[in-house]
Amino acid sequence: MKENKVQWQVIAGIILALIIAIFAVINVDPVEVNFLFAQAEWPLILIIIGSVLCGCLIIFFLNIAKSRGMKKKVKQLTTEKAELERQLAASKAMKTHSSKVEKREPEKVVDTTK
């Protein structure tokens, strides 16, 4: 099931890349770009491709941060699970030891002095 989802993501990514490439190639006219300190005239195709690449980089780094957070959470939960399993095993061991102990009746002391 997971493979199918990944396959569809790859197909959607390829289609999106083709659409962006076609859109960029159609828009090759030079445009004026205003920076804070200067102005430049660049082909629109470079602006479009640069913007897409910046967006991809942002998503990539956000994904890495999310992945690291999830790995940390998995490690924490694995540690908690191991501790709870250890406590459960100790609890079961205590129950089995206490149930195996036989209770004896107190012995009657016979008074032999009479």
PDB file of N, CA and C in Angstrom:
ATOM      1  N   MET A   1       0.839  -1.203   0.000  1.00  0.00           N
ATOM      2  CA  MET A   1       0.000   0.000   0.000  1.00  0.00           C
ATOM      3  C   MET A   1       0.873   1.252   0.000  1.00  0.00           C
ATOM      4  N   LYS A   2       1.964   1.224   0.789  1.00  0.00           N
ATOM      5  CA  LYS A   2       2.842   2.370   0.870  1.00  0.00           C
ATOM      6  C   LYS A   2       3.561   2.595  -0.462  1.00  0.00           C
ATOM      7  N   GLU A   3       3.932   1.498  -1.134  1.00  0.00           N
ATOM      8  CA  GLU A   3       4.607   1.608  -2.420  1.00  0.00           C
ATOM      9  C   GLU A   3       3.715   2.316  -3.437  1.00  0.00           C
ATOM     10  N   ASN A   4       2.426   2.024  -3.403  1.00  0.00           N
ATOM     11  CA  ASN A   4       1.475   2.649  -4.316  1.00  0.00           C
ATOM     12  C   ASN A   4       1.422   4.158  -4.078  1.00  0.00           C
ATOM     13  N   LYS A   5       1.444   4.566  -2.810  1.00  0.00           N
ATOM     14  CA  LYS A   5       1.399   5.987  -2.473  1.00  0.00           C
ATOM     15  C   LYS A   5       2.654   6.688  -2.970  1.00  0.00           C
ATOM     16  N   VAL A   6       3.804   6.059  -2.768  1.00  0.00           N
ATOM     17  CA  VAL A   6       5.064   6.641  -3.226  1.00  0.00           C
ATOM     18  C   VAL A   6       5.077   6.740  -4.745  1.00  0.00           C
ATOM     19  N   GLN A   7       4.550   5.725  -5.407  1.00  0.00           N
ATOM     20  CA  GLN A   7       4.504   5.734  -6.870  1.00  0.00           C
ATOM     21  C   GLN A   7       3.666   6.911  -7.372  1.00  0.00           C
ATOM     22  N   TRP A   8       2.515   7.145  -6.746  1.00  0.00           N
ATOM     23  CA  TRP A   8       1.667   8.260  -7.158  1.00  0.00           C
ATOM     24  C   TRP A   8       2.344   9.600  -6.872  1.00  0.00           C
ATOM     25  N   GLN A   9       3.095   9.691  -5.772  1.00  0.00           N
ATOM     26  CA  GLN A   9       3.814  10.928  -5.473  1.00  0.00           C
ATOM     27  C   GLN A   9       4.875  11.212  -6.531  1.00  0.00           C
ATOM     28  N   VAL A  10       5.577  10.172  -6.974  1.00  0.00           N
ATOM     29  CA  VAL A  10       6.587  10.348  -8.020  1.00  0.00           C
ATOM     30  C   VAL A  10       5.929  10.794  -9.325  1.00  0.00           C
ATOM     31  N   ILE A  11       4.830  10.154  -9.687  1.00  0.00           N
ATOM     32  CA  ILE A  11       4.115  10.527 -10.919  1.00  0.00           C
ATOM     33  C   ILE A  11       3.625  11.969 -10.833  1.00  0.00           C
ATOM     34  N   ALA A  12       3.039  12.349  -9.708  1.00  0.00           N
ATOM     35  CA  ALA A  12       2.565  13.728  -9.532  1.00  0.00           C
ATOM     36  C   ALA A  12       3.729  14.714  -9.592  1.00  0.00           C
ATOM     37  N   GLY A  13       4.871  14.348  -9.021  1.00  0.00           N
ATOM     38  CA  GLY A  13       6.046  15.213  -9.072  1.00  0.00           C
ATOM     39  C   GLY A  13       6.553  15.413 -10.479  1.00  0.00           C
ATOM     40  N   ILE A  14       6.567  14.342 -11.262  1.00  0.00           N
ATOM     41  CA  ILE A  14       7.017  14.442 -12.661  1.00  0.00           C
ATOM     42  C   ILE A  14       6.071  15.327 -13.467  1.00  0.00           C
ATOM     43  N   ILE A  15       4.774  15.131 -13.285  1.00  0.00           N
ATOM     44  CA  ILE A  15       3.783  15.950 -14.008  1.00  0.00           C
ATOM     45  C   ILE A  15       3.926  17.418 -13.624  1.00  0.00           C
ATOM     46  N   LEU A  16       4.091  17.685 -12.323  1.00  0.00           N
ATOM     47  CA  LEU A  16       4.253  19.063 -11.860  1.00  0.00           C
ATOM     48  C   LEU A  16       5.531  19.680 -12.434  1.00  0.00           C
ATOM     49  N   ALA A  17       6.608  18.909 -12.471  1.00  0.00           N
ATOM     50  CA  ALA A  17       7.865  19.413 -13.035  1.00  0.00           C
ATOM     51  C   ALA A  17       7.698  19.742 -14.522  1.00  0.00           C
ATOM     52  N   LEU A  18       6.982  18.894 -15.256  1.00  0.00           N
ATOM     53  CA  LEU A  18       6.738  19.171 -16.676  1.00  0.00           C
ATOM     54  C   LEU A  18       5.911  20.442 -16.873  1.00  0.00           C
ATOM     55  N   ILE A  19       4.892  20.617 -16.062  1.00  0.00           N
ATOM     56  CA  ILE A  19       4.055  21.817 -16.159  1.00  0.00           C
ATOM     57  C   ILE A  19       4.879  23.063 -15.883  1.00  0.00           C
ATOM     58  N   ILE A  20       5.721  23.005 -14.838  1.00  0.00           N
ATOM     59  CA  ILE A  20       6.567  24.157 -14.505  1.00  0.00           C
ATOM     60  C   ILE A  20       7.564  24.431 -15.626  1.00  0.00           C
ATOM     61  N   ALA A  21       8.161  23.368 -16.181  1.00  0.00           N
ATOM     62  CA  ALA A  21       9.129  23.542 -17.273  1.00  0.00           C
ATOM     63  C   ALA A  21       8.473  24.177 -18.493  1.00  0.00           C
ATOM     64  N   ILE A  22       7.290  23.706 -18.857  1.00  0.00           N
ATOM     65  CA  ILE A  22       6.576  24.273 -20.016  1.00  0.00           C
ATOM     66  C   ILE A  22       6.221  25.736 -19.751  1.00  0.00           C
ATOM     67  N   PHE A  23       5.735  26.008 -18.534  1.00  0.00           N
ATOM     68  CA  PHE A  23       5.377  27.374 -18.156  1.00  0.00           C
ATOM     69  C   PHE A  23       6.597  28.284 -18.220  1.00  0.00           C
ATOM     70  N   ALA A  24       7.750  27.784 -17.748  1.00  0.00           N
ATOM     71  CA  ALA A  24       8.971  28.591 -17.749  1.00  0.00           C
ATOM     72  C   ALA A  24       9.460  28.852 -19.167  1.00  0.00           C
ATOM     73  N   VAL A  25       9.413  27.840 -20.021  1.00  0.00           N
ATOM     74  CA  VAL A  25       9.900  27.991 -21.402  1.00  0.00           C
ATOM     75  C   VAL A  25       9.032  28.977 -22.183  1.00  0.00           C
ATOM     76  N   ILE A  26       7.747  28.992 -21.905  1.00  0.00           N
ATOM     77  CA  ILE A  26       6.847  29.920 -22.601  1.00  0.00           C
ATOM     78  C   ILE A  26       7.159  31.368 -22.213  1.00  0.00           C
ATOM     79  N   ASN A  27       7.572  31.575 -20.944  1.00  0.00           N
ATOM     80  CA  ASN A  27       7.827  32.924 -20.431  1.00  0.00           C
ATOM     81  C   ASN A  27       9.325  33.225 -20.428  1.00  0.00           C
ATOM     82  N   VAL A  28       9.847  33.610 -21.577  1.00  0.00           N
ATOM     83  CA  VAL A  28      11.281  33.894 -21.699  1.00  0.00           C
ATOM     84  C   VAL A  28      11.582  35.392 -21.802  1.00  0.00           C
ATOM     85  N   ASP A  29      10.568  36.213 -21.753  1.00  0.00           N
ATOM     86  CA  ASP A  29      10.776  37.658 -21.863  1.00  0.00           C
ATOM     87  C   ASP A  29      11.598  38.174 -20.682  1.00  0.00           C
ATOM     88  N   PRO A  30      12.431  39.148 -20.917  1.00  0.00           N
ATOM     89  CA  PRO A  30      13.192  39.723 -19.796  1.00  0.00           C
ATOM     90  C   PRO A  30      12.278  40.578 -18.918  1.00  0.00           C
ATOM     91  N   VAL A  31      12.516  40.483 -17.621  1.00  0.00           N
ATOM     92  CA  VAL A  31      11.735  41.280 -16.660  1.00  0.00           C
ATOM     93  C   VAL A  31      12.700  41.978 -15.715  1.00  0.00           C
ATOM     94  N   GLU A  32      12.232  43.084 -15.161  1.00  0.00           N
ATOM     95  CA  GLU A  32      13.056  43.835 -14.215  1.00  0.00           C
ATOM     96  C   GLU A  32      12.819  43.287 -12.812  1.00  0.00           C
ATOM     97  N   VAL A  33      13.899  42.965 -12.150  1.00  0.00           N
ATOM     98  CA  VAL A  33      13.829  42.431 -10.787  1.00  0.00           C
ATOM     99  C   VAL A  33      14.394  43.480  -9.846  1.00  0.00           C
ATOM    100  N   ASN A  34      13.611  43.845  -8.827  1.00  0.00           N
ATOM    101  CA  ASN A  34      14.042  44.844  -7.848  1.00  0.00           C
ATOM    102  C   ASN A  34      14.534  44.142  -6.586  1.00  0.00           C
ATOM    103  N   PHE A  35      15.826  44.316  -6.315  1.00  0.00           N
ATOM    104  CA  PHE A  35      16.384  43.856  -5.049  1.00  0.00           C
ATOM    105  C   PHE A  35      16.328  45.038  -4.085  1.00  0.00           C
ATOM    106  N   LEU A  36      16.687  44.807  -2.857  1.00  0.00           N
ATOM    107  CA  LEU A  36      16.651  45.915  -1.894  1.00  0.00           C
ATOM    108  C   LEU A  36      17.640  47.015  -2.269  1.00  0.00           C
ATOM    109  N   PHE A  37      18.751  46.641  -2.836  1.00  0.00           N
ATOM    110  CA  PHE A  37      19.824  47.595  -3.103  1.00  0.00           C
ATOM    111  C   PHE A  37      20.110  47.822  -4.588  1.00  0.00           C
ATOM    112  N   ALA A  38      19.495  47.034  -5.471  1.00  0.00           N
ATOM    113  CA  ALA A  38      19.794  47.163  -6.902  1.00  0.00           C
ATOM    114  C   ALA A  38      18.631  46.643  -7.735  1.00  0.00           C
ATOM    115  N   GLN A  39      18.738  46.904  -9.034  1.00  0.00           N
ATOM    116  CA  GLN A  39      17.764  46.399  -9.992  1.00  0.00           C
ATOM    117  C   GLN A  39      18.516  45.636 -11.070  1.00  0.00           C
ATOM    118  N   ALA A  40      17.863  44.604 -11.584  1.00  0.00           N
ATOM    119  CA  ALA A  40      18.482  43.835 -12.667  1.00  0.00           C
ATOM    120  C   ALA A  40      17.392  43.391 -13.624  1.00  0.00           C
ATOM    121  N   GLU A  41      17.778  43.128 -14.850  1.00  0.00           N
ATOM    122  CA  GLU A  41      16.838  42.634 -15.836  1.00  0.00           C
ATOM    123  C   GLU A  41      17.242  41.199 -16.179  1.00  0.00           C
ATOM    124  N   TRP A  42      16.355  40.262 -15.848  1.00  0.00           N
ATOM    125  CA  TRP A  42      16.632  38.839 -16.051  1.00  0.00           C
ATOM    126  C   TRP A  42      15.508  38.220 -16.866  1.00  0.00           C
ATOM    127  N   PRO A  43      15.812  37.123 -17.564  1.00  0.00           N
ATOM    128  CA  PRO A  43      14.725  36.401 -18.252  1.00  0.00           C
ATOM    129  C   PRO A  43      13.758  35.799 -17.220  1.00  0.00           C
ATOM    130  N   LEU A  44      12.494  35.861 -17.534  1.00  0.00           N
ATOM    131  CA  LEU A  44      11.464  35.357 -16.619  1.00  0.00           C
ATOM    132  C   LEU A  44      11.650  33.870 -16.329  1.00  0.00           C
ATOM    133  N   ILE A  45      12.192  33.128 -17.284  1.00  0.00           N
ATOM    134  CA  ILE A  45      12.414  31.699 -17.088  1.00  0.00           C
ATOM    135  C   ILE A  45      13.325  31.454 -15.878  1.00  0.00           C
ATOM    136  N   LEU A  46      14.367  32.307 -15.738  1.00  0.00           N
ATOM    137  CA  LEU A  46      15.273  32.150 -14.587  1.00  0.00           C
ATOM    138  C   LEU A  46      14.571  32.475 -13.270  1.00  0.00           C
ATOM    139  N   ILE A  47      13.712  33.462 -13.283  1.00  0.00           N
ATOM    140  CA  ILE A  47      12.962  33.835 -12.080  1.00  0.00           C
ATOM    141  C   ILE A  47      12.031  32.688 -11.677  1.00  0.00           C
ATOM    142  N   ILE A  48      11.346  32.105 -12.645  1.00  0.00           N
ATOM    143  CA  ILE A  48      10.410  31.017 -12.354  1.00  0.00           C
ATOM    144  C   ILE A  48      11.162  29.800 -11.821  1.00  0.00           C
ATOM    145  N   ILE A  49      12.222  29.393 -12.522  1.00  0.00           N
ATOM    146  CA  ILE A  49      12.974  28.205 -12.093  1.00  0.00           C
ATOM    147  C   ILE A  49      13.644  28.459 -10.739  1.00  0.00           C
ATOM    148  N   GLY A  50      14.189  29.647 -10.543  1.00  0.00           N
ATOM    149  CA  GLY A  50      14.802  29.985  -9.246  1.00  0.00           C
ATOM    150  C   GLY A  50      13.790  29.947  -8.111  1.00  0.00           C
ATOM    151  N   SER A  51      12.595  30.451  -8.358  1.00  0.00           N
ATOM    152  CA  SER A  51      11.544  30.429  -7.327  1.00  0.00           C
ATOM    153  C   SER A  51      11.120  29.007  -6.992  1.00  0.00           C
ATOM    154  N   VAL A  52      10.995  28.176  -8.018  1.00  0.00           N
ATOM    155  CA  VAL A  52      10.624  26.773  -7.791  1.00  0.00           C
ATOM    156  C   VAL A  52      11.712  26.061  -6.987  1.00  0.00           C
ATOM    157  N   LEU A  53      12.974  26.309  -7.357  1.00  0.00           N
ATOM    158  CA  LEU A  53      14.075  25.670  -6.627  1.00  0.00           C
ATOM    159  C   LEU A  53      14.131  26.131  -5.171  1.00  0.00           C
ATOM    160  N   CYS A  54      13.906  27.413  -4.932  1.00  0.00           N
ATOM    161  CA  CYS A  54      13.872  27.910  -3.542  1.00  0.00           C
ATOM    162  C   CYS A  54      12.741  27.251  -2.760  1.00  0.00           C
ATOM    163  N   GLY A  55      11.591  27.120  -3.381  1.00  0.00           N
ATOM    164  CA  GLY A  55      10.469  26.439  -2.720  1.00  0.00           C
ATOM    165  C   GLY A  55      10.789  24.987  -2.412  1.00  0.00           C
ATOM    166  N   CYS A  56      11.444  24.315  -3.356  1.00  0.00           N
ATOM    167  CA  CYS A  56      11.832  22.912  -3.131  1.00  0.00           C
ATOM    168  C   CYS A  56      12.822  22.789  -1.980  1.00  0.00           C
ATOM    169  N   LEU A  57      13.777  23.708  -1.926  1.00  0.00           N
ATOM    170  CA  LEU A  57      14.754  23.673  -0.831  1.00  0.00           C
ATOM    171  C   LEU A  57      14.093  23.899   0.524  1.00  0.00           C
ATOM    172  N   ILE A  58      13.157  24.830   0.580  1.00  0.00           N
ATOM    173  CA  ILE A  58      12.446  25.088   1.832  1.00  0.00           C
ATOM    174  C   ILE A  58      11.685  23.840   2.279  1.00  0.00           C
ATOM    175  N   ILE A  59      10.964  23.233   1.366  1.00  0.00           N
ATOM    176  CA  ILE A  59      10.214  22.017   1.698  1.00  0.00           C
ATOM    177  C   ILE A  59      11.162  20.897   2.122  1.00  0.00           C
ATOM    178  N   PHE A  60      12.293  20.763   1.429  1.00  0.00           N
ATOM    179  CA  PHE A  60      13.281  19.732   1.752  1.00  0.00           C
ATOM    180  C   PHE A  60      13.796  19.899   3.181  1.00  0.00           C
ATOM    181  N   PHE A  61      14.190  21.116   3.542  1.00  0.00           N
ATOM    182  CA  PHE A  61      14.730  21.333   4.885  1.00  0.00           C
ATOM    183  C   PHE A  61      13.659  21.199   5.968  1.00  0.00           C
ATOM    184  N   LEU A  62      12.438  21.597   5.672  1.00  0.00           N
ATOM    185  CA  LEU A  62      11.350  21.392   6.633  1.00  0.00           C
ATOM    186  C   LEU A  62      11.076  19.904   6.831  1.00  0.00           C
ATOM    187  N   ASN A  63      11.169  19.139   5.735  1.00  0.00           N
ATOM    188  CA  ASN A  63      10.984  17.687   5.818  1.00  0.00           C
ATOM    189  C   ASN A  63      12.072  17.040   6.672  1.00  0.00           C
ATOM    190  N   ILE A  64      13.311  17.501   6.513  1.00  0.00           N
ATOM    191  CA  ILE A  64      14.407  16.964   7.320  1.00  0.00           C
ATOM    192  C   ILE A  64      14.158  17.244   8.798  1.00  0.00           C
ATOM    193  N   ALA A  65      13.743  18.452   9.115  1.00  0.00           N
ATOM    194  CA  ALA A  65      13.470  18.807  10.507  1.00  0.00           C
ATOM    195  C   ALA A  65      12.337  17.945  11.068  1.00  0.00           C
ATOM    196  N   LYS A  66      11.298  17.744  10.289  1.00  0.00           N
ATOM    197  CA  LYS A  66      10.171  16.915  10.732  1.00  0.00           C
ATOM    198  C   LYS A  66      10.617  15.471  10.932  1.00  0.00           C
ATOM    199  N   SER A  67      11.430  14.972  10.022  1.00  0.00           N
ATOM    200  CA  SER A  67      11.932  13.601  10.113  1.00  0.00           C
ATOM    201  C   SER A  67      12.777  13.407  11.367  1.00  0.00           C
ATOM    202  N   ARG A  68      13.647  14.363  11.656  1.00  0.00           N
ATOM    203  CA  ARG A  68      14.476  14.269  12.867  1.00  0.00           C
ATOM    204  C   ARG A  68      13.614  14.286  14.121  1.00  0.00           C
ATOM    205  N   GLY A  69      12.596  15.122  14.135  1.00  0.00           N
ATOM    206  CA  GLY A  69      11.691  15.168  15.282  1.00  0.00           C
ATOM    207  C   GLY A  69      10.957  13.846  15.467  1.00  0.00           C
ATOM    208  N   MET A  70      10.540  13.244  14.356  1.00  0.00           N
ATOM    209  CA  MET A  70       9.834  11.964  14.437  1.00  0.00           C
ATOM    210  C   MET A  70      10.776  10.853  14.911  1.00  0.00           C
ATOM    211  N   LYS A  71      12.030  10.866  14.445  1.00  0.00           N
ATOM    212  CA  LYS A  71      12.998   9.861  14.897  1.00  0.00           C
ATOM    213  C   LYS A  71      13.254   9.997  16.391  1.00  0.00           C
ATOM    214  N   LYS A  72      13.341  11.231  16.871  1.00  0.00           N
ATOM    215  CA  LYS A  72      13.537  11.468  18.306  1.00  0.00           C
ATOM    216  C   LYS A  72      12.341  10.938  19.097  1.00  0.00           C
ATOM    217  N   LYS A  73      11.144  11.177  18.595  1.00  0.00           N
ATOM    218  CA  LYS A  73       9.929  10.708  19.268  1.00  0.00           C
ATOM    219  C   LYS A  73       9.872   9.178  19.274  1.00  0.00           C
ATOM    220  N   VAL A  74      10.248   8.536  18.154  1.00  0.00           N
ATOM    221  CA  VAL A  74      10.260   7.074  18.085  1.00  0.00           C
ATOM    222  C   VAL A  74      11.241   6.515  19.103  1.00  0.00           C
ATOM    223  N   LYS A  75      12.406   7.127  19.208  1.00  0.00           N
ATOM    224  CA  LYS A  75      13.411   6.670  20.174  1.00  0.00           C
ATOM    225  C   LYS A  75      12.879   6.798  21.597  1.00  0.00           C
ATOM    226  N   GLN A  76      12.226   7.911  21.893  1.00  0.00           N
ATOM    227  CA  GLN A  76      11.658   8.126  23.226  1.00  0.00           C
ATOM    228  C   GLN A  76      10.575   7.086  23.518  1.00  0.00           C
ATOM    229  N   LEU A  77       9.694   6.847  22.564  1.00  0.00           N
ATOM    230  CA  LEU A  77       8.613   5.883  22.768  1.00  0.00           C
ATOM    231  C   LEU A  77       9.149   4.459  22.887  1.00  0.00           C
ATOM    232  N   THR A  78      10.212   4.133  22.149  1.00  0.00           N
ATOM    233  CA  THR A  78      10.827   2.818  22.260  1.00  0.00           C
ATOM    234  C   THR A  78      11.407   2.618  23.653  1.00  0.00           C
ATOM    235  N   THR A  79      12.049   3.651  24.183  1.00  0.00           N
ATOM    236  CA  THR A  79      12.597   3.576  25.543  1.00  0.00           C
ATOM    237  C   THR A  79      11.480   3.403  26.560  1.00  0.00           C
ATOM    238  N   GLU A  80      10.397   4.168  26.406  1.00  0.00           N
ATOM    239  CA  GLU A  80       9.263   4.044  27.325  1.00  0.00           C
ATOM    240  C   GLU A  80       8.652   2.645  27.244  1.00  0.00           C
ATOM    241  N   LYS A  81       8.532   2.104  26.040  1.00  0.00           N
ATOM    242  CA  LYS A  81       7.964   0.771  25.852  1.00  0.00           C
ATOM    243  C   LYS A  81       8.821  -0.275  26.548  1.00  0.00           C
ATOM    244  N   ALA A  82      10.134  -0.180  26.391  1.00  0.00           N
ATOM    245  CA  ALA A  82      11.032  -1.141  27.032  1.00  0.00           C
ATOM    246  C   ALA A  82      10.908  -1.065  28.559  1.00  0.00           C
ATOM    247  N   GLU A  83      10.792   0.133  29.083  1.00  0.00           N
ATOM    248  CA  GLU A  83      10.644   0.299  30.538  1.00  0.00           C
ATOM    249  C   GLU A  83       9.319  -0.281  31.020  1.00  0.00           C
ATOM    250  N   LEU A  84       8.251  -0.041  30.272  1.00  0.00           N
ATOM    251  CA  LEU A  84       6.951  -0.585  30.665  1.00  0.00           C
ATOM    252  C   LEU A  84       6.926  -2.104  30.559  1.00  0.00           C
ATOM    253  N   GLU A  85       7.589  -2.658  29.534  1.00  0.00           N
ATOM    254  CA  GLU A  85       7.675  -4.122  29.415  1.00  0.00           C
ATOM    255  C   GLU A  85       8.457  -4.706  30.582  1.00  0.00           C
ATOM    256  N   ARG A  86       9.531  -4.018  30.991  1.00  0.00           N
ATOM    257  CA  ARG A  86      10.321  -4.480  32.131  1.00  0.00           C
ATOM    258  C   ARG A  86       9.478  -4.459  33.412  1.00  0.00           C
ATOM    259  N   GLN A  87       8.708  -3.375  33.590  1.00  0.00           N
ATOM    260  CA  GLN A  87       7.841  -3.283  34.768  1.00  0.00           C
ATOM    261  C   GLN A  87       6.762  -4.366  34.742  1.00  0.00           C
ATOM    262  N   LEU A  88       6.211  -4.642  33.563  1.00  0.00           N
ATOM    263  CA  LEU A  88       5.189  -5.676  33.432  1.00  0.00           C
ATOM    264  C   LEU A  88       5.761  -7.048  33.766  1.00  0.00           C
ATOM    265  N   ALA A  89       6.948  -7.335  33.258  1.00  0.00           N
ATOM    266  CA  ALA A  89       7.590  -8.620  33.550  1.00  0.00           C
ATOM    267  C   ALA A  89       7.873  -8.757  35.031  1.00  0.00           C
ATOM    268  N   ALA A  90       8.323  -7.673  35.666  1.00  0.00           N
ATOM    269  CA  ALA A  90       8.587  -7.713  37.106  1.00  0.00           C
ATOM    270  C   ALA A  90       7.294  -7.933  37.877  1.00  0.00           C
ATOM    271  N   SER A  91       6.237  -7.290  37.436  1.00  0.00           N
ATOM    272  CA  SER A  91       4.941  -7.445  38.104  1.00  0.00           C
ATOM    273  C   SER A  91       4.424  -8.874  37.962  1.00  0.00           C
ATOM    274  N   LYS A  92       4.559  -9.454  36.770  1.00  0.00           N
ATOM    275  CA  LYS A  92       4.129 -10.838  36.570  1.00  0.00           C
ATOM    276  C   LYS A  92       4.961 -11.793  37.408  1.00  0.00           C
ATOM    277  N   ALA A  93       6.245 -11.524  37.491  1.00  0.00           N
ATOM    278  CA  ALA A  93       7.122 -12.372  38.295  1.00  0.00           C
ATOM    279  C   ALA A  93       6.722 -12.317  39.766  1.00  0.00           C
ATOM    280  N   MET A  94       6.369 -11.152  40.246  1.00  0.00           N
ATOM    281  CA  MET A  94       5.939 -11.012  41.647  1.00  0.00           C
ATOM    282  C   MET A  94       4.646 -11.778  41.884  1.00  0.00           C
ATOM    283  N   LYS A  95       3.719 -11.719  40.961  1.00  0.00           N
ATOM    284  CA  LYS A  95       2.447 -12.420  41.114  1.00  0.00           C
ATOM    285  C   LYS A  95       2.648 -13.928  41.106  1.00  0.00           C
ATOM    286  N   THR A  96       3.498 -14.443  40.229  1.00  0.00           N
ATOM    287  CA  THR A  96       3.695 -15.896  40.160  1.00  0.00           C
ATOM    288  C   THR A  96       4.430 -16.398  41.385  1.00  0.00           C
ATOM    289  N   HIS A  97       5.369 -15.631  41.914  1.00  0.00           N
ATOM    290  CA  HIS A  97       6.078 -16.050  43.122  1.00  0.00           C
ATOM    291  C   HIS A  97       5.145 -16.039  44.328  1.00  0.00           C
ATOM    292  N   SER A  98       4.276 -15.060  44.422  1.00  0.00           N
ATOM    293  CA  SER A  98       3.387 -14.996  45.584  1.00  0.00           C
ATOM    294  C   SER A  98       2.297 -16.052  45.510  1.00  0.00           C
ATOM    295  N   SER A  99       1.907 -16.481  44.325  1.00  0.00           N
ATOM    296  CA  SER A  99       0.861 -17.489  44.227  1.00  0.00           C
ATOM    297  C   SER A  99       1.405 -18.889  44.461  1.00  0.00           C
ATOM    298  N   LYS A 100       2.704 -19.087  44.290  1.00  0.00           N
ATOM    299  CA  LYS A 100       3.292 -20.404  44.490  1.00  0.00           C
ATOM    300  C   LYS A 100       3.621 -20.664  45.952  1.00  0.00           C
ATOM    301  N   VAL A 101       3.643 -19.652  46.747  1.00  0.00           N
ATOM    302  CA  VAL A 101       3.952 -19.827  48.167  1.00  0.00           C
ATOM    303  C   VAL A 101       2.744 -20.456  48.839  1.00  0.00           C
ATOM    304  N   GLU A 102       2.987 -21.566  49.500  1.00  0.00           N
ATOM    305  CA  GLU A 102       1.879 -22.251  50.171  1.00  0.00           C
ATOM    306  C   GLU A 102       1.686 -21.652  51.544  1.00  0.00           C
ATOM    307  N   LYS A 103       0.448 -21.529  51.882  1.00  0.00           N
ATOM    308  CA  LYS A 103       0.143 -21.038  53.216  1.00  0.00           C
ATOM    309  C   LYS A 103      -0.045 -22.237  54.117  1.00  0.00           C
ATOM    310  N   ARG A 104       0.692 -22.270  55.214  1.00  0.00           N
ATOM    311  CA  ARG A 104       0.575 -23.367  56.164  1.00  0.00           C
ATOM    312  C   ARG A 104      -0.248 -22.934  57.354  1.00  0.00           C
ATOM    313  N   GLU A 105      -0.940 -23.907  57.846  1.00  0.00           N
ATOM    314  CA  GLU A 105      -1.706 -23.672  59.067  1.00  0.00           C
ATOM    315  C   GLU A 105      -0.712 -23.659  60.226  1.00  0.00           C
ATOM    316  N   PRO A 106      -0.954 -22.809  61.187  1.00  0.00           N
ATOM    317  CA  PRO A 106      -0.054 -22.818  62.341  1.00  0.00           C
ATOM    318  C   PRO A 106      -0.157 -24.156  63.068  1.00  0.00           C
ATOM    319  N   GLU A 107       0.974 -24.667  63.466  1.00  0.00           N
ATOM    320  CA  GLU A 107       0.980 -25.966  64.156  1.00  0.00           C
ATOM    321  C   GLU A 107       0.395 -25.810  65.543  1.00  0.00           C
ATOM    322  N   LYS A 108      -0.345 -26.835  65.933  1.00  0.00           N
ATOM    323  CA  LYS A 108      -0.936 -26.820  67.272  1.00  0.00           C
ATOM    324  C   LYS A 108       0.114 -27.306  68.259  1.00  0.00           C
ATOM    325  N   VAL A 109       0.252 -26.548  69.267  1.00  0.00           N
ATOM    326  CA  VAL A 109       1.216 -26.915  70.298  1.00  0.00           C
ATOM    327  C   VAL A 109       0.471 -27.782  71.325  1.00  0.00           C
ATOM    328  N   VAL A 110       1.007 -28.965  71.547  1.00  0.00           N
ATOM    329  CA  VAL A 110       0.401 -29.877  72.496  1.00  0.00           C
ATOM    330  C   VAL A 110       1.101 -29.673  73.845  1.00  0.00           C
ATOM    331  N   ASP A 111       0.267 -29.418  74.826  1.00  0.00           N
ATOM    332  CA  ASP A 111       0.834 -29.183  76.162  1.00  0.00           C
ATOM    333  C   ASP A 111       1.109 -30.525  76.803  1.00  0.00           C
ATOM    334  N   THR A 112       2.343 -30.901  76.988  1.00  0.00           N
ATOM    335  CA  THR A 112       2.717 -32.208  77.548  1.00  0.00           C
ATOM    336  C   THR A 112       2.969 -32.142  79.040  1.00  0.00           C
ATOM    337  N   THR A 113       2.757 -31.041  79.645  1.00  0.00           N
ATOM    338  CA  THR A 113       3.005 -30.903  81.086  1.00  0.00           C
ATOM    339  C   THR A 113       1.866 -31.471  81.901  1.00  0.00           C
ATOM    340  N   LYS A 114       0.766 -31.794  81.425  1.00  0.00           N
ATOM    341  CA  LYS A 114      -0.360 -32.293  82.181  1.00  0.00           C
ATOM    342  C   LYS A 114      -0.374 -33.764  82.310  1.00  0.00           C
TER     343      LYS A 114
END
